[in-house]
């Protein structure tokens, strides 16, 4: 089964809590705090798996979580960092933030590796909170929470050349006679239901290119008719298209109308695809014995190309580079196919592959740690929420005066008390910070 889209949930690991510990040794009456730091949480990492060709491994597994960091220990021992969650994907995978549609990563190179979500930092042990006036800190910092994201993975095949056209025009046959690929071939529509890849060798030194047979397109493909919507995305990676046309019109369609329709569907899916360089391949020429249909197609095509070149500068530029030429072949007996492939290989270097602009993870995801919100609960309590605020609340020891004093000092530095006053808080009102509650006294 060919799976080229999926959604998954990823969570980086939580940082380990810092340790509250005091040095206890024989003959040492007051050793001081020696609580170690917590370990960092594991990261979420994506990398290319050379053995993978589809996203089928994600069909039943949709949640991936990195390991949490371990707690710190006495004698200033730092906790073990959590193991990273490394997710292997096929080359050509795009990673999107499902909520915003933002492109986070494009794993197009064999050695692509992207750290997508960093794990939470480990909390500091009480050794860091000793001062001249606070010599016995009975609190430590809790580890930071990890982050969770809903992701959409899309696989776009990394083929240099894509074969497009109506169903049953000979695309799979062309692939089979020019490469070692063995696609299923039959005389009914949609024999090809998944993209097929093959390598065409055009040079004595073993050089060549990757050729992809894209499942047949029909009218309405860009809106999801037939198999078009499922596989048109794979055309986006290609540098050049071989547009195969059944010149015999054996199914009662006009060959030139077929050409126009396929280009319309490419444009409807992505306007940039309409200007993607093409080589026109007229197949089944043996069924046009007198050449009437071939001549008619060429006349219409040359007029279309002239008009299109005037309207679209990119088409004109690609034409100068050698695209938009016509080849006549009989794929079933491999007549004309070698010449076609050698020509394709000779001009391929002139066209750059499509580049996807990676927007990356928004900065606000990293910069919102100090942000907090205050709202009034139904019982009249002032509730304070925020990533760092929560971490701070988890760190304090409410029964220890020094710990609670440190907590209040941090809230004051963050401007929480000023915000509460602006909202009209009065002495005696309840302030709720997650599991921590206290009465406000100005």
Protein backbone atom coordinates (compact mmCIF):
# COMPACT_ATOMS: atom_id res chain seq x y z
CA UNK A 1 0.00 0.00 0.00
CA UNK A 2 1.30 3.44 -0.95
CA UNK A 3 0.78 5.97 1.85
CA UNK A 4 1.89 9.51 1.07
CA UNK A 5 0.02 11.59 3.68
CA UNK A 6 -0.57 11.17 7.38
CA UNK A 7 -1.05 13.08 10.62
CA UNK A 8 0.86 12.43 13.81
CA UNK A 9 1.25 13.93 17.28
CA UNK A 10 4.75 14.47 18.68
CA UNK A 11 5.78 15.43 22.22
CA UNK A 12 9.25 16.31 23.42
CA UNK A 13 10.34 15.08 26.85
CA UNK A 14 9.85 16.90 30.14
CA UNK A 15 12.93 18.07 32.00
CA UNK A 16 13.75 16.33 35.26
CA UNK A 17 13.15 18.18 38.54
CA UNK A 18 16.04 19.65 40.47
CA UNK A 19 16.88 18.00 43.76
CA UNK A 20 16.58 19.40 47.29
CA UNK A 21 19.47 17.90 49.22
CA UNK A 22 21.99 18.93 51.87
CA UNK A 23 25.47 17.62 52.33
CA UNK A 24 25.58 15.12 55.17
CA UNK A 25 28.99 13.80 56.08
CA UNK A 26 30.70 12.76 59.25
CA UNK A 27 32.51 15.68 60.92
CA UNK A 28 30.72 18.16 58.61
CA UNK A 29 28.09 19.92 60.72
CA UNK A 30 26.71 22.25 58.03
CA UNK A 31 27.60 21.02 54.58
CA UNK A 32 25.15 23.24 52.73
CA UNK A 33 22.88 22.49 49.78
CA UNK A 34 24.12 19.96 47.22
CA UNK A 35 21.00 19.13 45.20
CA UNK A 36 21.83 18.32 41.58
CA UNK A 37 20.04 19.52 38.44
CA UNK A 38 17.48 17.50 36.56
CA UNK A 39 18.30 16.04 33.14
CA UNK A 40 16.97 17.62 29.97
CA UNK A 41 14.00 16.07 28.22
CA UNK A 42 14.52 14.28 24.90
CA UNK A 43 14.11 16.10 21.56
CA UNK A 44 11.85 15.22 18.63
CA UNK A 45 14.08 14.60 15.61
CA UNK A 46 13.16 13.78 12.01
CA UNK A 47 15.66 12.15 9.70
CA UNK A 48 15.66 10.43 6.31
CA UNK A 49 15.41 6.65 6.46
CA UNK A 50 16.97 5.24 3.26
CA UNK A 51 14.93 2.04 3.64
CA UNK A 52 11.56 3.84 3.65
CA UNK A 53 9.66 4.60 0.45
CA UNK A 54 6.20 5.41 1.84
CA UNK A 55 4.64 6.69 5.07
CA UNK A 56 2.97 3.35 5.73
CA UNK A 57 4.80 2.97 9.07
CA UNK A 58 2.61 5.78 10.40
CA UNK A 59 -0.65 4.10 9.40
CA UNK A 60 -1.30 2.67 12.85
CA UNK A 61 1.12 4.60 15.04
CA UNK A 62 0.27 8.28 15.39
CA UNK A 63 1.83 9.36 18.68
CA UNK A 64 5.55 9.79 19.27
CA UNK A 65 6.93 10.90 22.63
CA UNK A 66 10.53 11.53 23.65
CA UNK A 67 11.77 10.35 27.02
CA UNK A 68 11.59 12.59 30.09
CA UNK A 69 14.73 13.68 31.90
CA UNK A 70 15.53 12.12 35.27
CA UNK A 71 15.51 13.98 38.56
CA UNK A 72 18.70 15.39 40.02
CA UNK A 73 20.28 13.79 43.07
CA UNK A 74 22.36 14.69 46.10
CA UNK A 75 26.10 15.35 45.92
CA UNK A 76 25.37 17.70 42.99
CA UNK A 77 24.62 14.79 40.67
CA UNK A 78 22.80 15.77 37.48
CA UNK A 79 19.93 13.57 36.34
CA UNK A 80 20.16 11.61 33.11
CA UNK A 81 18.83 13.38 30.03
CA UNK A 82 15.90 11.74 28.28
CA UNK A 83 16.46 9.81 25.06
CA UNK A 84 15.54 11.63 21.85
CA UNK A 85 12.67 10.36 19.73
CA UNK A 86 14.15 9.91 16.25
CA UNK A 87 11.48 9.52 13.57
CA UNK A 88 12.62 8.06 10.25
CA UNK A 89 10.77 9.16 7.11
CA UNK A 90 11.28 8.64 3.36
CA UNK A 91 13.38 11.10 1.43
CA UNK A 92 11.13 13.83 0.04
CA UNK A 93 8.91 14.15 3.13
CA UNK A 94 7.52 17.56 4.05
CA UNK A 95 6.60 18.24 7.69
CA UNK A 96 3.82 20.77 8.35
CA UNK A 97 2.31 22.23 11.50
CA UNK A 98 -1.22 20.89 11.07
CA UNK A 99 -2.85 23.81 12.91
CA UNK A 100 -1.30 26.66 10.90
CA UNK A 101 -0.24 24.86 7.71
CA UNK A 102 3.30 26.18 8.23
CA UNK A 103 6.06 24.18 6.51
CA UNK A 104 8.51 23.18 9.24
CA UNK A 105 10.93 20.89 7.40
CA UNK A 106 11.73 19.57 3.93
CA UNK A 107 13.72 16.33 4.17
CA UNK A 108 14.91 16.21 0.59
CA UNK A 109 18.55 15.21 1.04
CA UNK A 110 19.76 11.70 1.94
CA UNK A 111 21.40 12.99 5.13
CA UNK A 112 18.59 15.36 6.16
CA UNK A 113 18.13 15.55 9.91
CA UNK A 114 15.99 18.17 11.71
CA UNK A 115 15.50 18.79 15.43
CA UNK A 116 11.86 19.80 15.40
CA UNK A 117 11.03 20.17 19.10
CA UNK A 118 13.53 20.64 21.90
CA UNK A 119 12.94 18.84 25.15
CA UNK A 120 12.24 20.73 28.37
CA UNK A 121 15.26 21.92 30.32
CA UNK A 122 16.11 20.18 33.55
CA UNK A 123 15.29 22.06 36.75
CA UNK A 124 18.03 23.52 38.90
CA UNK A 125 18.88 21.85 42.19
CA UNK A 126 18.82 23.78 45.47
CA UNK A 127 22.60 24.30 45.26
CA UNK A 128 21.86 27.21 42.87
CA UNK A 129 19.61 29.08 45.30
CA UNK A 130 21.96 29.52 48.23
CA UNK A 131 22.80 33.15 49.02
CA UNK A 132 24.35 35.01 51.93
CA UNK A 133 20.90 35.48 53.44
CA UNK A 134 19.39 32.19 52.21
CA UNK A 135 21.88 29.58 53.28
CA UNK A 136 19.46 26.68 53.58
CA UNK A 137 17.25 26.78 50.45
CA UNK A 138 14.58 24.15 50.91
CA UNK A 139 13.36 24.28 47.32
CA UNK A 140 14.52 23.49 43.79
CA UNK A 141 13.33 24.32 40.30
CA UNK A 142 10.98 21.88 38.59
CA UNK A 143 11.88 20.64 35.13
CA UNK A 144 10.33 22.40 32.14
CA UNK A 145 7.45 20.75 30.36
CA UNK A 146 8.01 19.33 26.90
CA UNK A 147 6.07 20.59 23.88
CA UNK A 148 3.39 18.88 21.86
CA UNK A 149 2.50 19.51 18.22
CA UNK A 150 0.07 18.06 15.69
CA UNK A 151 1.98 17.48 12.46
CA UNK A 152 1.00 16.64 8.89
CA UNK A 153 3.48 14.62 6.86
CA UNK A 154 3.39 14.67 3.06
CA UNK A 155 5.61 12.63 0.76
CA UNK A 156 6.45 14.18 -2.60
CA UNK A 157 8.45 11.77 -4.73
CA UNK A 158 11.93 12.90 -5.69
CA UNK A 159 11.83 12.16 -9.39
CA UNK A 160 13.68 14.26 -11.97
CA UNK A 161 11.13 13.64 -14.72
CA UNK A 162 7.43 12.90 -14.39
CA UNK A 163 5.20 11.20 -16.96
CA UNK A 164 1.72 12.71 -17.10
CA UNK A 165 -1.30 12.18 -19.31
CA UNK A 166 -4.73 10.58 -19.56
CA UNK A 167 -5.22 7.03 -18.28
CA UNK A 168 -4.19 4.27 -20.69
CA UNK A 169 -2.19 6.48 -23.07
CA UNK A 170 0.97 4.38 -22.56
CA UNK A 171 2.70 6.02 -19.58
CA UNK A 172 3.43 2.76 -17.77
CA UNK A 173 4.53 1.13 -21.02
CA UNK A 174 6.99 3.97 -21.61
CA UNK A 175 8.39 3.52 -18.10
CA UNK A 176 8.71 -0.24 -18.53
CA UNK A 177 10.65 -0.08 -21.82
CA UNK A 178 13.05 2.65 -20.69
CA UNK A 179 13.82 1.48 -17.13
CA UNK A 180 13.95 -1.75 -15.16
CA UNK A 181 10.67 -0.86 -13.40
CA UNK A 182 7.88 -3.41 -13.79
CA UNK A 183 4.60 -1.51 -13.49
CA UNK A 184 1.28 -3.27 -13.96
CA UNK A 185 0.05 -2.67 -17.50
CA UNK A 186 -3.46 -3.26 -18.81
CA UNK A 187 -5.84 -1.63 -21.25
CA UNK A 188 -8.26 -0.21 -18.68
CA UNK A 189 -8.19 3.07 -16.80
CA UNK A 190 -6.28 3.41 -13.54
CA UNK A 191 -4.20 0.28 -13.88
CA UNK A 192 -1.59 2.48 -12.23
CA UNK A 193 -2.90 3.45 -8.82
CA UNK A 194 0.42 4.38 -7.22
CA UNK A 195 3.39 6.29 -8.65
CA UNK A 196 6.08 4.06 -10.11
CA UNK A 197 9.74 5.01 -10.22
CA UNK A 198 12.51 3.87 -12.54
CA UNK A 199 16.03 4.97 -13.41
CA UNK A 200 16.91 5.86 -17.01
CA UNK A 201 20.59 5.48 -17.88
CA UNK A 202 21.59 7.77 -20.72
CA UNK A 203 25.39 7.98 -20.47
CA UNK A 204 28.24 5.50 -20.82
CA UNK A 205 29.40 6.56 -17.37
CA UNK A 206 26.17 5.32 -15.81
CA UNK A 207 24.64 8.78 -15.53
CA UNK A 208 20.91 9.18 -15.90
CA UNK A 209 17.78 10.39 -14.16
CA UNK A 210 14.82 9.17 -12.11
CA UNK A 211 11.58 8.82 -14.07
CA UNK A 212 8.17 8.66 -12.37
CA UNK A 213 4.94 7.36 -13.87
CA UNK A 214 2.19 9.46 -12.25
CA UNK A 215 -1.28 7.81 -12.21
CA UNK A 216 -3.57 8.95 -15.03
CA UNK A 217 -5.29 12.31 -14.77
CA UNK A 218 -8.82 13.07 -15.88
CA UNK A 219 -10.97 16.17 -15.98
CA UNK A 220 -11.57 17.34 -12.42
CA UNK A 221 -8.40 15.69 -11.12
CA UNK A 222 -7.36 18.81 -9.21
CA UNK A 223 -10.67 18.66 -7.33
CA UNK A 224 -10.18 15.00 -6.46
CA UNK A 225 -11.76 13.17 -9.40
CA UNK A 226 -10.17 9.86 -10.30
CA UNK A 227 -6.78 9.51 -8.68
CA UNK A 228 -5.54 12.96 -9.67
CA UNK A 229 -5.83 14.78 -6.37
CA UNK A 230 -4.05 11.96 -4.57
CA UNK A 231 -0.98 12.06 -6.79
CA UNK A 232 -0.74 15.44 -8.49
CA UNK A 233 1.43 16.59 -5.59
CA UNK A 234 4.20 14.28 -6.79
CA UNK A 235 4.53 16.32 -9.99
CA UNK A 236 5.67 19.30 -7.90
CA UNK A 237 9.10 17.79 -7.27
CA UNK A 238 9.87 17.03 -10.91
CA UNK A 239 12.09 19.24 -13.03
CA UNK A 240 10.61 18.22 -16.38
CA UNK A 241 7.39 16.55 -17.59
CA UNK A 242 6.91 14.04 -20.37
CA UNK A 243 3.36 14.70 -21.52
CA UNK A 244 2.19 11.47 -23.19
CA UNK A 245 -0.71 11.69 -25.63
CA UNK A 246 -2.55 8.93 -27.48
CA UNK A 247 -2.37 10.40 -30.96
CA UNK A 248 -4.63 7.67 -32.36
CA UNK A 249 -7.64 9.00 -30.44
CA UNK A 250 -8.62 5.36 -29.92
CA UNK A 251 -10.99 6.20 -27.08
CA UNK A 252 -12.88 8.81 -29.07
CA UNK A 253 -11.12 11.84 -27.58
CA UNK A 254 -9.35 14.59 -29.48
CA UNK A 255 -5.56 14.39 -28.79
CA UNK A 256 -5.10 18.14 -28.62
CA UNK A 257 -8.08 18.53 -26.26
CA UNK A 258 -6.41 15.92 -24.06
CA UNK A 259 -3.27 18.08 -24.02
CA UNK A 260 -5.23 21.18 -23.03
CA UNK A 261 -7.21 19.37 -20.35
CA UNK A 262 -4.14 17.90 -18.64
CA UNK A 263 -2.50 21.33 -18.56
CA UNK A 264 -5.68 22.81 -17.12
CA UNK A 265 -5.68 20.25 -14.32
CA UNK A 266 -2.03 20.94 -13.56
CA UNK A 267 -2.80 24.64 -13.37
CA UNK A 268 -5.88 24.09 -11.19
CA UNK A 269 -3.84 22.09 -8.70
CA UNK A 270 -0.94 24.57 -8.63
CA UNK A 271 -0.62 27.48 -11.10
CA UNK A 272 3.17 26.99 -11.15
CA UNK A 273 2.72 23.54 -12.70
CA UNK A 274 1.18 25.04 -15.83
CA UNK A 275 4.58 26.52 -16.69
CA UNK A 276 6.59 23.41 -15.77
CA UNK A 277 8.73 22.51 -18.83
CA UNK A 278 7.28 19.69 -20.92
CA UNK A 279 8.30 17.40 -23.75
CA UNK A 280 5.32 16.33 -25.82
CA UNK A 281 5.26 12.58 -26.53
CA UNK A 282 2.86 11.40 -29.23
CA UNK A 283 2.35 7.68 -28.61
CA UNK A 284 0.68 4.97 -30.76
CA UNK A 285 1.72 6.69 -33.98
CA UNK A 286 1.37 3.36 -35.80
CA UNK A 287 -2.39 3.80 -35.46
CA UNK A 288 -2.18 7.08 -37.37
CA UNK A 289 -1.02 5.51 -40.58
CA UNK A 290 -1.42 8.51 -42.87
CA UNK A 291 -0.15 10.99 -40.27
CA UNK A 292 -3.29 13.14 -40.50
CA UNK A 293 -3.90 13.32 -36.75
CA UNK A 294 -0.24 13.93 -36.03
CA UNK A 295 -0.09 16.83 -38.51
CA UNK A 296 -3.31 18.29 -37.12
CA UNK A 297 -1.99 18.09 -33.55
CA UNK A 298 1.31 19.74 -34.48
CA UNK A 299 -0.46 22.64 -36.18
CA UNK A 300 -2.67 23.30 -33.15
CA UNK A 301 0.19 22.82 -30.72
CA UNK A 302 2.52 25.24 -32.52
CA UNK A 303 -0.17 27.93 -32.42
CA UNK A 304 -0.82 27.23 -28.72
CA UNK A 305 2.91 27.39 -27.96
CA UNK A 306 3.31 30.68 -29.79
CA UNK A 307 0.41 32.26 -27.90
CA UNK A 308 1.51 30.79 -24.54
CA UNK A 309 5.08 32.02 -25.00
CA UNK A 310 3.78 35.56 -25.45
CA UNK A 311 1.64 35.36 -22.30
CA UNK A 312 3.97 33.39 -20.04
CA UNK A 313 7.62 34.40 -19.85
CA UNK A 314 8.56 31.16 -18.08
CA UNK A 315 7.15 29.04 -20.91
CA UNK A 316 9.12 31.15 -23.39
CA UNK A 317 12.28 30.70 -21.31
CA UNK A 318 11.78 26.94 -21.02
CA UNK A 319 11.17 26.75 -24.75
CA UNK A 320 14.57 28.34 -25.39
CA UNK A 321 16.15 25.72 -23.12
CA UNK A 322 14.80 22.90 -25.26
CA UNK A 323 11.39 22.11 -23.79
CA UNK A 324 8.11 21.92 -25.72
CA UNK A 325 9.41 19.78 -28.55
CA UNK A 326 7.40 16.88 -30.00
CA UNK A 327 8.54 13.26 -30.14
CA UNK A 328 6.70 10.52 -31.99
CA UNK A 329 7.01 7.04 -30.48
CA UNK A 330 5.50 3.58 -30.33
CA UNK A 331 6.12 2.66 -26.69
CA UNK A 332 4.82 -0.89 -27.04
CA UNK A 333 7.74 -1.82 -29.31
CA UNK A 334 10.18 0.76 -27.88
CA UNK A 335 10.40 2.64 -31.17
CA UNK A 336 11.64 6.20 -30.68
CA UNK A 337 11.95 5.81 -26.91
CA UNK A 338 15.77 5.73 -26.77
CA UNK A 339 16.01 8.96 -28.72
CA UNK A 340 13.40 10.53 -26.42
CA UNK A 341 15.28 9.56 -23.26
CA UNK A 342 18.65 10.74 -24.54
CA UNK A 343 17.16 14.10 -25.44
CA UNK A 344 15.46 14.35 -22.06
CA UNK A 345 18.73 13.64 -20.28
CA UNK A 346 20.60 16.16 -22.41
CA UNK A 347 18.41 19.13 -21.43
CA UNK A 348 17.52 18.13 -17.86
CA UNK A 349 20.46 20.01 -16.32
CA UNK A 350 19.01 23.28 -17.62
CA UNK A 351 16.03 23.09 -15.26
CA UNK A 352 16.28 23.54 -11.52
CA UNK A 353 14.23 21.32 -9.21
CA UNK A 354 11.34 22.84 -7.30
CA UNK A 355 12.41 24.29 -3.96
CA UNK A 356 10.03 24.37 -1.02
CA UNK A 357 10.53 27.32 1.31
CA UNK A 358 10.81 26.04 4.86
CA UNK A 359 9.23 28.53 7.24
CA UNK A 360 10.42 26.64 10.30
CA UNK A 361 8.96 26.61 13.79
CA UNK A 362 7.51 30.05 14.66
CA UNK A 363 9.65 32.05 17.07
CA UNK A 364 6.65 32.64 19.32
CA UNK A 365 6.64 28.94 20.21
CA UNK A 366 10.08 29.46 21.75
CA UNK A 367 9.55 32.96 23.06
CA UNK A 368 6.24 32.48 24.89
CA UNK A 369 7.79 30.82 27.95
CA UNK A 370 7.55 33.98 30.05
CA UNK A 371 4.07 34.89 28.83
CA UNK A 372 1.18 34.47 31.27
CA UNK A 373 -2.52 35.19 31.51
CA UNK A 374 -4.73 36.21 34.41
CA UNK A 375 -8.46 35.63 34.52
CA UNK A 376 -11.08 35.61 37.24
CA UNK A 377 -12.62 32.22 38.01
CA UNK A 378 -16.30 31.72 38.79
CA UNK A 379 -15.52 31.65 42.52
CA UNK A 380 -13.83 35.06 42.31
CA UNK A 381 -10.26 33.77 42.55
CA UNK A 382 -7.62 35.35 40.32
CA UNK A 383 -6.12 32.51 38.26
CA UNK A 384 -2.63 32.94 36.80
CA UNK A 385 -1.50 30.58 34.02
CA UNK A 386 1.64 30.37 31.91
CA UNK A 387 4.47 27.99 31.04
CA UNK A 388 7.12 29.50 33.32
CA UNK A 389 4.55 30.41 35.94
CA UNK A 390 3.50 26.77 36.17
CA UNK A 391 7.11 25.67 36.41
CA UNK A 392 7.65 28.17 39.23
CA UNK A 393 4.56 27.00 41.13
CA UNK A 394 5.72 23.39 40.94
CA UNK A 395 9.09 24.38 42.37
CA UNK A 396 8.11 25.96 45.66
CA UNK A 397 7.64 24.49 49.11
CA UNK A 398 4.59 26.27 50.51
CA UNK A 399 5.48 25.25 54.07
CA UNK A 400 8.92 26.84 53.87
CA UNK A 401 9.11 30.59 54.43
CA UNK A 402 12.27 31.08 52.35
CA UNK A 403 10.78 29.09 49.49
CA UNK A 404 7.56 31.08 49.53
CA UNK A 405 9.54 34.32 49.73
CA UNK A 406 11.50 33.36 46.63
CA UNK A 407 8.22 32.52 44.88
CA UNK A 408 6.76 35.96 45.68
CA UNK A 409 9.94 37.70 44.55
CA UNK A 410 9.79 35.94 41.16
CA UNK A 411 6.12 36.86 40.72
CA UNK A 412 6.97 40.48 41.44
CA UNK A 413 9.81 40.44 38.87
CA UNK A 414 7.46 39.07 36.23
CA UNK A 415 4.96 41.89 36.92
CA UNK A 416 2.22 39.55 38.13
CA UNK A 417 1.38 41.65 41.19
CA UNK A 418 1.19 44.86 39.14
CA UNK A 419 -1.21 43.16 36.71
CA UNK A 420 -3.37 41.92 39.59
CA UNK A 421 -3.62 45.43 40.98
CA UNK A 422 -4.63 46.75 37.56
CA UNK A 423 -7.42 44.16 37.50
CA UNK A 424 -8.73 45.44 40.84
CA UNK A 425 -7.56 42.75 43.27
CA UNK A 426 -8.15 43.52 46.95
CA UNK A 427 -6.45 42.34 50.12
CA UNK A 428 -7.75 38.94 51.07
CA UNK A 429 -8.72 37.91 47.52
CA UNK A 430 -7.52 34.48 46.46
CA UNK A 431 -4.72 34.06 43.95
CA UNK A 432 -4.64 30.64 42.30
CA UNK A 433 -1.56 29.46 40.40
CA UNK A 434 -2.32 25.88 39.36
CA UNK A 435 -2.26 23.83 42.60
CA UNK A 436 -0.91 26.76 44.63
CA UNK A 437 -3.35 29.14 46.35
CA UNK A 438 -2.74 32.06 48.67
CA UNK A 439 -4.48 35.26 49.89
CA UNK A 440 -3.30 38.50 48.34
CA UNK A 441 -1.89 41.05 50.77
CA UNK A 442 -0.56 44.32 49.37
